[in-house]
Amino acid sequence: MVRARKPKGEPPQMFGDEDPRAPYKVYEGDELKGTYATRAEARRRQQQLESEQNRHFIIKDRNGDIAM
C-alpha cells in the first residue's frame, strides 16, 4: 500500500480503516474478557458486561494504555 505524504504541520491521520491503537481489549481486573477491532465495539461490550454484573471493566489499547 502506498501512502500519500501529509503536508508539514498537519496532524497525522488514519488511512482507511486503520486504527493505530487497535486492537482494544476489555479487562475485568487482569482477566481478558475480549478483543475488539474498534473502541466503539469494546465500549459496547464493556457496557453490556457492566449491566449484567455489578463489576468494573476497563478498555486497554494495544500498548496496554487505558482507552478513555
N, C-alpha and C. Protein backbone atom coordinates (compact mmCIF):
# COMPACT_ATOMS: atom_id res chain seq x y z
N MET A 1 0.85 -1.18 0.00
CA MET A 1 0.00 0.00 0.00
C MET A 1 0.89 1.24 0.00
N VAL A 2 0.64 2.15 -0.88
CA VAL A 2 1.40 3.39 -0.97
C VAL A 2 0.59 4.49 -0.29
N ARG A 3 1.22 5.21 0.60
CA ARG A 3 0.52 6.28 1.31
C ARG A 3 1.03 7.64 0.86
N ALA A 4 0.12 8.55 0.74
CA ALA A 4 0.49 9.92 0.37
C ALA A 4 1.14 10.61 1.56
N ARG A 5 2.08 11.47 1.31
CA ARG A 5 2.74 12.21 2.38
C ARG A 5 1.84 13.36 2.80
N LYS A 6 1.80 13.61 4.10
CA LYS A 6 0.99 14.71 4.60
C LYS A 6 1.82 15.98 4.60
N PRO A 7 1.19 17.10 4.35
CA PRO A 7 1.92 18.37 4.41
C PRO A 7 2.42 18.65 5.82
N LYS A 8 3.53 19.33 5.94
CA LYS A 8 4.07 19.66 7.25
C LYS A 8 3.09 20.48 8.06
N GLY A 9 3.05 20.22 9.36
CA GLY A 9 2.20 20.99 10.24
C GLY A 9 0.79 20.45 10.40
N GLU A 10 0.42 19.44 9.60
CA GLU A 10 -0.91 18.84 9.75
C GLU A 10 -0.82 17.62 10.66
N PRO A 11 -1.84 17.40 11.47
CA PRO A 11 -1.81 16.24 12.37
C PRO A 11 -1.86 14.94 11.59
N PRO A 12 -1.33 13.86 12.17
CA PRO A 12 -1.40 12.57 11.48
C PRO A 12 -2.86 12.13 11.35
N GLN A 13 -3.14 11.37 10.32
CA GLN A 13 -4.50 10.90 10.12
C GLN A 13 -4.47 9.40 9.85
N MET A 14 -5.61 8.76 10.07
CA MET A 14 -5.72 7.33 9.80
C MET A 14 -6.02 7.16 8.31
N PHE A 15 -5.49 6.10 7.73
CA PHE A 15 -5.74 5.79 6.34
C PHE A 15 -6.68 4.60 6.30
N GLY A 16 -7.80 4.75 5.61
CA GLY A 16 -8.77 3.68 5.52
C GLY A 16 -9.34 3.36 6.89
N ASP A 17 -9.33 2.08 7.22
CA ASP A 17 -9.88 1.63 8.50
C ASP A 17 -8.80 1.41 9.55
N GLU A 18 -7.60 1.87 9.32
CA GLU A 18 -6.51 1.62 10.25
C GLU A 18 -6.67 2.44 11.52
N ASP A 19 -6.51 1.80 12.65
CA ASP A 19 -6.53 2.46 13.95
C ASP A 19 -5.23 2.07 14.63
N PRO A 20 -4.34 3.01 14.84
CA PRO A 20 -3.03 2.67 15.40
C PRO A 20 -3.09 2.13 16.82
N ARG A 21 -4.23 2.33 17.52
CA ARG A 21 -4.35 1.84 18.89
C ARG A 21 -5.07 0.49 18.96
N ALA A 22 -5.60 0.00 17.85
CA ALA A 22 -6.32 -1.27 17.82
C ALA A 22 -5.33 -2.43 17.91
N PRO A 23 -5.67 -3.56 18.43
CA PRO A 23 -6.99 -3.93 18.92
C PRO A 23 -7.22 -3.43 20.34
N TYR A 24 -8.49 -3.27 20.69
CA TYR A 24 -8.88 -2.85 22.03
C TYR A 24 -9.30 -4.09 22.82
N LYS A 25 -8.89 -4.16 24.08
CA LYS A 25 -9.17 -5.32 24.91
C LYS A 25 -9.95 -4.90 26.14
N VAL A 26 -10.97 -5.67 26.47
CA VAL A 26 -11.78 -5.41 27.65
C VAL A 26 -11.30 -6.34 28.77
N TYR A 27 -10.99 -5.74 29.92
CA TYR A 27 -10.49 -6.49 31.06
C TYR A 27 -11.38 -6.31 32.27
N GLU A 28 -11.46 -7.35 33.08
CA GLU A 28 -12.00 -7.27 34.43
C GLU A 28 -10.82 -7.59 35.33
N GLY A 29 -10.27 -6.56 35.95
CA GLY A 29 -9.02 -6.76 36.69
C GLY A 29 -7.92 -7.13 35.71
N ASP A 30 -7.29 -8.29 35.91
CA ASP A 30 -6.26 -8.76 34.99
C ASP A 30 -6.79 -9.78 34.00
N GLU A 31 -8.06 -10.13 34.09
CA GLU A 31 -8.65 -11.14 33.23
C GLU A 31 -9.18 -10.52 31.94
N LEU A 32 -8.67 -11.01 30.80
CA LEU A 32 -9.12 -10.53 29.49
C LEU A 32 -10.50 -11.08 29.19
N LYS A 33 -11.44 -10.20 28.89
CA LYS A 33 -12.82 -10.59 28.58
C LYS A 33 -13.09 -10.62 27.09
N GLY A 34 -12.28 -9.90 26.28
CA GLY A 34 -12.50 -9.90 24.83
C GLY A 34 -11.61 -8.90 24.13
N THR A 35 -11.41 -9.13 22.83
CA THR A 35 -10.59 -8.26 21.98
C THR A 35 -11.47 -7.76 20.84
N TYR A 36 -11.38 -6.45 20.55
CA TYR A 36 -12.26 -5.82 19.56
C TYR A 36 -11.47 -4.92 18.63
N ALA A 37 -11.91 -4.83 17.38
CA ALA A 37 -11.22 -4.04 16.36
C ALA A 37 -11.38 -2.54 16.57
N THR A 38 -12.50 -2.12 17.16
CA THR A 38 -12.72 -0.68 17.35
C THR A 38 -13.01 -0.39 18.81
N ARG A 39 -12.76 0.85 19.20
CA ARG A 39 -13.04 1.27 20.56
C ARG A 39 -14.54 1.23 20.83
N ALA A 40 -15.35 1.55 19.82
CA ALA A 40 -16.81 1.53 19.97
C ALA A 40 -17.31 0.13 20.29
N GLU A 41 -16.78 -0.88 19.61
CA GLU A 41 -17.18 -2.26 19.90
C GLU A 41 -16.78 -2.65 21.32
N ALA A 42 -15.58 -2.26 21.72
CA ALA A 42 -15.11 -2.57 23.07
C ALA A 42 -15.97 -1.87 24.11
N ARG A 43 -16.35 -0.64 23.86
CA ARG A 43 -17.18 0.11 24.80
C ARG A 43 -18.57 -0.50 24.92
N ARG A 44 -19.15 -0.93 23.80
CA ARG A 44 -20.47 -1.58 23.85
C ARG A 44 -20.40 -2.86 24.69
N ARG A 45 -19.35 -3.65 24.50
CA ARG A 45 -19.18 -4.88 25.26
C ARG A 45 -18.97 -4.58 26.74
N GLN A 46 -18.17 -3.56 27.04
CA GLN A 46 -17.94 -3.14 28.42
C GLN A 46 -19.28 -2.79 29.08
N GLN A 47 -20.09 -2.00 28.41
CA GLN A 47 -21.38 -1.60 28.96
C GLN A 47 -22.31 -2.79 29.15
N GLN A 48 -22.29 -3.73 28.20
CA GLN A 48 -23.11 -4.92 28.31
C GLN A 48 -22.70 -5.75 29.53
N LEU A 49 -21.40 -5.95 29.70
CA LEU A 49 -20.92 -6.72 30.85
C LEU A 49 -21.26 -6.04 32.16
N GLU A 50 -21.10 -4.72 32.21
CA GLU A 50 -21.39 -3.99 33.44
C GLU A 50 -22.88 -4.02 33.77
N SER A 51 -23.75 -4.07 32.76
CA SER A 51 -25.19 -4.10 33.03
C SER A 51 -25.62 -5.49 33.51
N GLU A 52 -24.92 -6.53 33.09
CA GLU A 52 -25.24 -7.90 33.50
C GLU A 52 -24.73 -8.20 34.90
N GLN A 53 -23.63 -7.60 35.28
CA GLN A 53 -22.97 -7.89 36.54
C GLN A 53 -22.63 -6.58 37.22
N ASN A 54 -22.52 -6.60 38.50
CA ASN A 54 -22.13 -5.39 39.23
C ASN A 54 -20.61 -5.38 39.41
N ARG A 55 -19.91 -5.23 38.31
CA ARG A 55 -18.44 -5.26 38.31
C ARG A 55 -17.91 -4.10 37.48
N HIS A 56 -16.60 -3.89 37.58
CA HIS A 56 -15.95 -2.80 36.85
C HIS A 56 -15.04 -3.39 35.79
N PHE A 57 -15.19 -2.91 34.54
CA PHE A 57 -14.38 -3.36 33.42
C PHE A 57 -13.65 -2.17 32.83
N ILE A 58 -12.46 -2.41 32.25
CA ILE A 58 -11.69 -1.34 31.61
C ILE A 58 -11.32 -1.76 30.20
N ILE A 59 -11.05 -0.75 29.34
CA ILE A 59 -10.63 -0.98 27.96
C ILE A 59 -9.18 -0.51 27.84
N LYS A 60 -8.34 -1.37 27.26
CA LYS A 60 -6.94 -1.01 27.02
C LYS A 60 -6.63 -1.13 25.53
N ASP A 61 -5.73 -0.26 25.06
CA ASP A 61 -5.32 -0.34 23.66
C ASP A 61 -4.16 -1.32 23.52
N ARG A 62 -3.60 -1.41 22.32
CA ARG A 62 -2.53 -2.38 22.06
C ARG A 62 -1.30 -2.16 22.92
N ASN A 63 -1.09 -0.95 23.41
CA ASN A 63 0.07 -0.66 24.25
C ASN A 63 -0.21 -0.90 25.73
N GLY A 64 -1.43 -1.32 26.04
CA GLY A 64 -1.80 -1.54 27.42
C GLY A 64 -2.26 -0.29 28.13
N ASP A 65 -2.39 0.81 27.40
CA ASP A 65 -2.87 2.06 27.99
C ASP A 65 -4.39 2.04 28.04
N ILE A 66 -4.96 2.61 29.09
CA ILE A 66 -6.40 2.66 29.23
C ILE A 66 -6.97 3.61 28.18
N ALA A 67 -7.96 3.13 27.42
CA ALA A 67 -8.61 3.93 26.38
C ALA A 67 -9.80 4.64 27.00
N MET A 68 -9.82 5.96 26.95
CA MET A 68 -10.91 6.72 27.55
C MET A 68 -12.03 6.89 26.59
